[in-house]
Amino acid sequence: MNIKKFLSFIIPIKIHQKKSEINTSLEIAWNNGQLVLDSKNTNFSYGSLQKVLKFGLLKIGFEKVKACKHIAVLGVAGGSVIKSLIDEVGYKGKITGVELDKVAIDLANRYFGLDQIENLEIIIGDAQSFVQQTTQKFDLVIIDIFQDNVMPGFLFDEKFTANILDCLTETGTVLFNTIVSTNSDQIRNANYLQLLEDKCKTIRKFSNIEGDNELFVWEK
């Protein structure tokens, strides 16, 4: 066994760090025998985050996800949810990933082989602009956007939500990962739930996933 991988069961072992204008600093590390991508203050890909999003995919249903023709991932980071879609769900359709931080994609390509995945298109850009401008329709949109451990406010805006609705197919589904660690986060998510209730057919909320994560699964 790789000695760094072995030691990571005792303490995380950093193997590469790179500055990022978007997330300040990103690092690749061995943690509990697994290679992960972390920002300064939180796990960015693989590790606990992969478990959170896999939980969401299970709640949607692997068979339903597998039947999708086109999936959008807004906030790719290291690509752990994309790997879950392919390796665990068995998804073989098209994936469009949108990621603002090119440094994250460079690390994902180098350490996790993201650029070796067929039927995957990566767009370096702003998810807010992407959903406003795209003419594509998606069966599933996965939203997992953080700048370090902060969620941009636009994610909870009515305009962004309306744009997400517009780029869904008639039976499209959204999986949205959020963090709830303060009272203001709780209020923000409660207001978001109220916004969804006026626009969506079905809404499910799952709280305290791997700690402070709260998932929304909603359908058009």
Foldseek 3Di string as FASTA:
>chain_A
DPPQLVCLLVPKAWDDKDAWPQQGIWTWIRHNSDTFIAGPAGTQADDQVLVVVVVVCVVVPLVLLQPWQEEEEERCQLNSVVCCNCVPSVHDHAYEYEHQIVVSVVCSCVPVVPVVDPNYHYHHDHPQVCLVPDPAATQEYEYDDDRRQHDDPCVLDLVSVVSNVNRYDQWHKYKYKDFDDDPVSVVSVVVSVVSVVVPFDDWDWDAQRVHGIIIIMTTD
